[in-house]
């Protein structure tokens, strides 16, 4: 949602991350910096780019996590899928996943 962030501001935000920055850490860091925006809403907006219906295919999502930007390891993907709501068709309910990312697993 924000396109007017300078390279210096981006570098400062990235330096706030402790160690390796994966997708989840990235979302949390940038979600916290968006003025007037709920971090969960920001994450939902990102997922909406994949599919506006509220679900994204597990296999397509896995492929993206393993091959794009700050690539996840197969172990990290399995950790995500362990807490991710996936239906019998192999679709991820990303609204529930966003809640888990921002608020924690309901079991915690």
N, C-alpha and C. Protein backbone atom coordinates (compact mmCIF):
# COMPACT_ATOMS: atom_id res chain seq x y z
N UNK A 1 0.78 -1.19 0.00
CA UNK A 1 0.00 0.00 0.00
C UNK A 1 0.83 1.26 0.00
N UNK A 2 2.11 1.18 0.37
CA UNK A 2 2.95 2.36 0.43
C UNK A 2 4.01 2.27 -0.66
N UNK A 3 4.07 3.28 -1.53
CA UNK A 3 5.04 3.24 -2.62
C UNK A 3 6.09 4.34 -2.51
N UNK A 4 5.97 5.21 -1.54
CA UNK A 4 6.89 6.33 -1.43
C UNK A 4 7.89 6.16 -0.29
N UNK A 5 8.43 4.95 -0.16
CA UNK A 5 9.42 4.66 0.88
C UNK A 5 10.80 4.74 0.24
N UNK A 6 11.69 5.48 0.88
CA UNK A 6 13.04 5.62 0.32
C UNK A 6 13.86 4.37 0.59
N UNK A 7 14.93 4.21 -0.18
CA UNK A 7 15.83 3.07 0.02
C UNK A 7 16.43 3.08 1.43
N UNK A 8 16.70 4.27 1.94
CA UNK A 8 17.26 4.38 3.29
C UNK A 8 16.27 3.86 4.34
N UNK A 9 15.00 4.22 4.18
CA UNK A 9 13.97 3.74 5.11
C UNK A 9 13.84 2.22 5.04
N UNK A 10 13.90 1.68 3.84
CA UNK A 10 13.82 0.22 3.69
C UNK A 10 15.00 -0.46 4.37
N UNK A 11 16.19 0.08 4.19
CA UNK A 11 17.38 -0.49 4.82
C UNK A 11 17.28 -0.44 6.35
N UNK A 12 16.77 0.67 6.89
CA UNK A 12 16.59 0.79 8.34
C UNK A 12 15.63 -0.28 8.86
N UNK A 13 14.53 -0.49 8.13
CA UNK A 13 13.56 -1.50 8.54
C UNK A 13 14.17 -2.90 8.50
N UNK A 14 14.93 -3.18 7.45
CA UNK A 14 15.55 -4.50 7.34
C UNK A 14 16.57 -4.75 8.45
N UNK A 15 17.26 -3.68 8.87
CA UNK A 15 18.23 -3.82 9.95
C UNK A 15 17.58 -4.15 11.29
N UNK A 16 16.28 -3.86 11.43
CA UNK A 16 15.56 -4.18 12.66
C UNK A 16 15.36 -5.67 12.84
N UNK A 17 15.40 -6.41 11.74
CA UNK A 17 15.23 -7.86 11.81
C UNK A 17 16.44 -8.50 12.47
N UNK A 18 16.19 -9.47 13.29
CA UNK A 18 17.28 -10.17 13.97
C UNK A 18 17.66 -11.40 13.15
N UNK A 19 18.81 -11.38 12.52
CA UNK A 19 19.26 -12.54 11.76
C UNK A 19 18.59 -12.63 10.41
N UNK A 20 18.39 -13.86 9.96
CA UNK A 20 17.82 -14.15 8.65
C UNK A 20 16.37 -13.67 8.57
N UNK A 21 16.02 -12.96 7.53
CA UNK A 21 14.66 -12.44 7.37
C UNK A 21 13.92 -13.32 6.38
N UNK A 22 12.92 -14.04 6.88
CA UNK A 22 12.08 -14.84 5.99
C UNK A 22 10.79 -14.07 5.70
N UNK A 23 9.88 -14.71 5.00
CA UNK A 23 8.65 -14.05 4.57
C UNK A 23 7.83 -13.53 5.75
N UNK A 24 7.70 -14.34 6.78
CA UNK A 24 6.90 -13.95 7.93
C UNK A 24 7.51 -12.75 8.65
N UNK A 25 8.82 -12.79 8.87
CA UNK A 25 9.51 -11.67 9.52
C UNK A 25 9.37 -10.42 8.66
N UNK A 26 9.52 -10.58 7.35
CA UNK A 26 9.37 -9.46 6.43
C UNK A 26 8.00 -8.81 6.58
N UNK A 27 6.96 -9.63 6.58
CA UNK A 27 5.60 -9.10 6.71
C UNK A 27 5.41 -8.37 8.03
N UNK A 28 5.95 -8.95 9.10
CA UNK A 28 5.79 -8.32 10.41
C UNK A 28 6.53 -6.98 10.47
N UNK A 29 7.76 -6.95 9.96
CA UNK A 29 8.54 -5.71 9.99
C UNK A 29 7.85 -4.59 9.22
N UNK A 30 7.41 -4.89 8.03
CA UNK A 30 6.80 -3.86 7.22
C UNK A 30 5.38 -3.55 7.67
N UNK A 31 4.67 -4.54 8.17
CA UNK A 31 3.33 -4.30 8.69
C UNK A 31 3.33 -3.33 9.85
N UNK A 32 4.36 -3.43 10.70
CA UNK A 32 4.46 -2.54 11.86
C UNK A 32 4.74 -1.10 11.44
N UNK A 33 5.34 -0.90 10.26
CA UNK A 33 5.74 0.43 9.84
C UNK A 33 4.68 1.16 9.03
N UNK A 34 3.66 0.47 8.61
CA UNK A 34 2.63 1.12 7.81
C UNK A 34 1.75 1.98 8.71
N UNK A 35 1.71 3.26 8.42
CA UNK A 35 0.95 4.20 9.24
C UNK A 35 -0.54 4.05 8.99
N UNK A 36 -1.31 3.88 10.07
CA UNK A 36 -2.74 3.83 9.97
C UNK A 36 -3.29 2.56 9.34
N UNK A 37 -2.47 1.54 9.22
CA UNK A 37 -2.92 0.30 8.59
C UNK A 37 -2.72 -0.85 9.54
N UNK A 38 -3.73 -1.67 9.66
CA UNK A 38 -3.63 -2.88 10.47
C UNK A 38 -2.70 -3.85 9.76
N UNK A 39 -1.68 -4.39 10.44
CA UNK A 39 -0.76 -5.33 9.78
C UNK A 39 -1.49 -6.52 9.17
N UNK A 40 -2.52 -7.03 9.82
CA UNK A 40 -3.26 -8.16 9.26
C UNK A 40 -3.91 -7.76 7.94
N UNK A 41 -4.43 -6.57 7.86
CA UNK A 41 -5.05 -6.07 6.63
C UNK A 41 -4.00 -5.98 5.51
N UNK A 42 -2.81 -5.56 5.85
CA UNK A 42 -1.74 -5.45 4.87
C UNK A 42 -1.38 -6.82 4.30
N UNK A 43 -1.32 -7.80 5.16
CA UNK A 43 -1.00 -9.16 4.72
C UNK A 43 -2.13 -9.69 3.84
N UNK A 44 -3.36 -9.45 4.25
CA UNK A 44 -4.50 -9.89 3.44
C UNK A 44 -4.45 -9.26 2.04
N UNK A 45 -4.09 -8.00 1.98
CA UNK A 45 -4.00 -7.32 0.69
C UNK A 45 -2.93 -7.97 -0.19
N UNK A 46 -1.83 -8.39 0.41
CA UNK A 46 -0.79 -9.07 -0.35
C UNK A 46 -1.30 -10.40 -0.90
N UNK A 47 -2.00 -11.16 -0.08
CA UNK A 47 -2.55 -12.44 -0.54
C UNK A 47 -3.62 -12.25 -1.60
N UNK A 48 -4.35 -11.16 -1.53
CA UNK A 48 -5.40 -10.90 -2.50
C UNK A 48 -4.84 -10.82 -3.92
N UNK A 49 -3.56 -10.46 -4.04
CA UNK A 49 -2.93 -10.43 -5.36
C UNK A 49 -2.89 -11.83 -5.98
N UNK A 50 -2.76 -12.86 -5.13
CA UNK A 50 -2.77 -14.24 -5.63
C UNK A 50 -4.17 -14.65 -6.05
N UNK A 51 -5.13 -14.36 -5.21
CA UNK A 51 -6.50 -14.80 -5.46
C UNK A 51 -7.43 -14.02 -4.54
N UNK A 52 -8.34 -13.23 -5.10
CA UNK A 52 -9.22 -12.40 -4.27
C UNK A 52 -10.33 -13.17 -3.55
N UNK A 53 -10.43 -14.48 -3.74
CA UNK A 53 -11.53 -15.24 -3.15
C UNK A 53 -11.31 -15.62 -1.69
N UNK A 54 -10.09 -15.48 -1.19
CA UNK A 54 -9.82 -15.86 0.20
C UNK A 54 -9.02 -17.13 0.34
N UNK A 55 -8.70 -17.76 -0.78
CA UNK A 55 -7.87 -18.97 -0.74
C UNK A 55 -6.77 -18.86 -1.78
N UNK A 56 -5.71 -19.61 -1.55
CA UNK A 56 -4.62 -19.73 -2.51
C UNK A 56 -4.20 -21.19 -2.52
N UNK A 57 -3.88 -21.72 -3.69
CA UNK A 57 -3.52 -23.12 -3.81
C UNK A 57 -2.21 -23.41 -3.09
N UNK A 58 -2.21 -24.47 -2.27
CA UNK A 58 -1.04 -24.84 -1.47
C UNK A 58 0.19 -25.07 -2.35
N UNK A 59 0.03 -25.80 -3.44
CA UNK A 59 1.19 -26.12 -4.29
C UNK A 59 1.77 -24.87 -4.96
N UNK A 60 0.90 -23.97 -5.42
CA UNK A 60 1.38 -22.72 -6.03
C UNK A 60 2.10 -21.86 -4.99
N UNK A 61 1.51 -21.80 -3.79
CA UNK A 61 2.11 -21.01 -2.72
C UNK A 61 3.46 -21.59 -2.31
N UNK A 62 3.53 -22.92 -2.21
CA UNK A 62 4.78 -23.59 -1.86
C UNK A 62 5.85 -23.27 -2.89
N UNK A 63 5.50 -23.34 -4.17
CA UNK A 63 6.45 -23.05 -5.24
C UNK A 63 6.99 -21.62 -5.11
N UNK A 64 6.12 -20.66 -4.82
CA UNK A 64 6.55 -19.28 -4.63
C UNK A 64 7.50 -19.14 -3.44
N UNK A 65 7.15 -19.78 -2.33
CA UNK A 65 7.99 -19.69 -1.14
C UNK A 65 9.38 -20.29 -1.37
N UNK A 66 9.45 -21.33 -2.16
CA UNK A 66 10.72 -22.02 -2.40
C UNK A 66 11.58 -21.36 -3.47
N UNK A 67 10.98 -20.52 -4.32
CA UNK A 67 11.73 -20.02 -5.48
C UNK A 67 11.84 -18.50 -5.59
N UNK A 68 11.07 -17.74 -4.85
CA UNK A 68 11.05 -16.30 -5.04
C UNK A 68 11.66 -15.55 -3.87
N UNK A 69 12.26 -14.42 -4.18
CA UNK A 69 12.80 -13.47 -3.19
C UNK A 69 13.64 -14.17 -2.13
N UNK A 70 13.32 -13.98 -0.87
CA UNK A 70 14.05 -14.62 0.24
C UNK A 70 13.51 -16.03 0.37
N UNK A 71 14.10 -16.94 -0.38
CA UNK A 71 13.57 -18.30 -0.50
C UNK A 71 13.49 -19.02 0.83
N UNK A 72 12.41 -19.73 1.02
CA UNK A 72 12.23 -20.57 2.19
C UNK A 72 12.91 -21.91 1.93
N UNK A 73 13.34 -22.54 2.99
CA UNK A 73 13.84 -23.91 2.87
C UNK A 73 12.62 -24.84 2.90
N UNK A 74 12.78 -26.07 2.41
CA UNK A 74 11.65 -27.01 2.51
C UNK A 74 11.18 -27.21 3.95
N UNK A 75 12.09 -27.15 4.91
CA UNK A 75 11.73 -27.29 6.32
C UNK A 75 10.87 -26.12 6.78
N UNK A 76 11.22 -24.91 6.36
CA UNK A 76 10.44 -23.73 6.75
C UNK A 76 9.03 -23.79 6.15
N UNK A 77 8.93 -24.27 4.91
CA UNK A 77 7.61 -24.41 4.29
C UNK A 77 6.77 -25.41 5.07
N UNK A 78 7.36 -26.51 5.46
CA UNK A 78 6.62 -27.52 6.23
C UNK A 78 6.18 -26.96 7.58
N UNK A 79 7.01 -26.11 8.21
CA UNK A 79 6.62 -25.48 9.46
C UNK A 79 5.40 -24.59 9.26
N UNK A 80 5.39 -23.85 8.17
CA UNK A 80 4.24 -22.99 7.88
C UNK A 80 2.99 -23.84 7.65
N UNK A 81 3.13 -24.87 6.83
CA UNK A 81 1.96 -25.70 6.52
C UNK A 81 1.46 -26.48 7.73
N UNK A 82 2.30 -26.66 8.73
CA UNK A 82 1.86 -27.37 9.94
C UNK A 82 0.80 -26.58 10.70
N UNK A 83 0.80 -25.25 10.56
CA UNK A 83 -0.18 -24.42 11.26
C UNK A 83 -1.16 -23.74 10.31
N UNK A 84 -1.05 -24.06 9.02
CA UNK A 84 -1.86 -23.40 8.01
C UNK A 84 -3.15 -24.18 7.75
N UNK A 85 -4.29 -23.50 7.75
CA UNK A 85 -5.55 -24.17 7.43
C UNK A 85 -5.61 -24.50 5.94
N UNK A 86 -5.60 -25.81 5.61
CA UNK A 86 -5.63 -26.27 4.22
C UNK A 86 -6.84 -27.19 4.06
N UNK A 87 -7.68 -26.90 3.05
CA UNK A 87 -8.87 -27.73 2.85
C UNK A 87 -8.54 -28.98 2.03
N UNK A 88 -9.53 -29.84 1.83
CA UNK A 88 -9.29 -31.11 1.14
C UNK A 88 -8.94 -30.92 -0.33
N UNK A 89 -9.21 -29.75 -0.89
CA UNK A 89 -8.85 -29.46 -2.28
C UNK A 89 -7.42 -28.93 -2.41
N UNK A 90 -6.75 -28.75 -1.26
CA UNK A 90 -5.38 -28.23 -1.28
C UNK A 90 -5.29 -26.73 -1.32
N UNK A 91 -6.34 -26.05 -0.87
CA UNK A 91 -6.34 -24.59 -0.85
C UNK A 91 -6.13 -24.08 0.57
N UNK A 92 -5.36 -23.03 0.67
CA UNK A 92 -5.06 -22.39 1.95
C UNK A 92 -6.07 -21.27 2.19
N UNK A 93 -6.68 -21.28 3.36
CA UNK A 93 -7.54 -20.18 3.78
C UNK A 93 -6.60 -19.09 4.29
N UNK A 94 -6.23 -18.17 3.40
CA UNK A 94 -5.21 -17.19 3.79
C UNK A 94 -5.71 -16.16 4.79
N UNK A 95 -7.00 -16.00 4.93
CA UNK A 95 -7.50 -15.10 5.98
C UNK A 95 -7.17 -15.67 7.36
N UNK A 96 -7.35 -16.98 7.50
CA UNK A 96 -7.00 -17.63 8.76
C UNK A 96 -5.48 -17.63 8.97
N UNK A 97 -4.74 -17.85 7.88
CA UNK A 97 -3.28 -17.81 7.99
C UNK A 97 -2.79 -16.43 8.41
N UNK A 98 -3.40 -15.39 7.89
CA UNK A 98 -3.02 -14.02 8.28
C UNK A 98 -3.27 -13.79 9.76
N UNK A 99 -4.37 -14.32 10.26
CA UNK A 99 -4.65 -14.20 11.68
C UNK A 99 -3.57 -14.91 12.49
N UNK A 100 -3.18 -16.09 12.04
CA UNK A 100 -2.13 -16.85 12.75
C UNK A 100 -0.82 -16.08 12.72
N UNK A 101 -0.47 -15.47 11.57
CA UNK A 101 0.78 -14.71 11.46
C UNK A 101 0.78 -13.52 12.41
N UNK A 102 -0.35 -12.82 12.50
CA UNK A 102 -0.38 -11.59 13.30
C UNK A 102 -0.73 -11.81 14.76
N UNK A 103 -1.50 -12.84 15.05
CA UNK A 103 -1.99 -13.05 16.43
C UNK A 103 -1.51 -14.34 17.07
N UNK A 104 -0.93 -15.21 16.29
CA UNK A 104 -0.49 -16.50 16.82
C UNK A 104 -1.53 -17.57 16.59
N UNK A 105 -1.08 -18.79 16.71
CA UNK A 105 -1.95 -19.95 16.53
C UNK A 105 -2.95 -19.97 17.70
N UNK A 106 -4.19 -20.29 17.40
CA UNK A 106 -5.22 -20.32 18.43
C UNK A 106 -4.86 -21.30 19.55
N UNK A 107 -4.04 -22.32 19.24
CA UNK A 107 -3.65 -23.31 20.24
C UNK A 107 -2.65 -22.76 21.24
N UNK A 108 -1.95 -21.64 20.86
CA UNK A 108 -0.93 -21.07 21.74
C UNK A 108 -1.52 -20.38 22.94
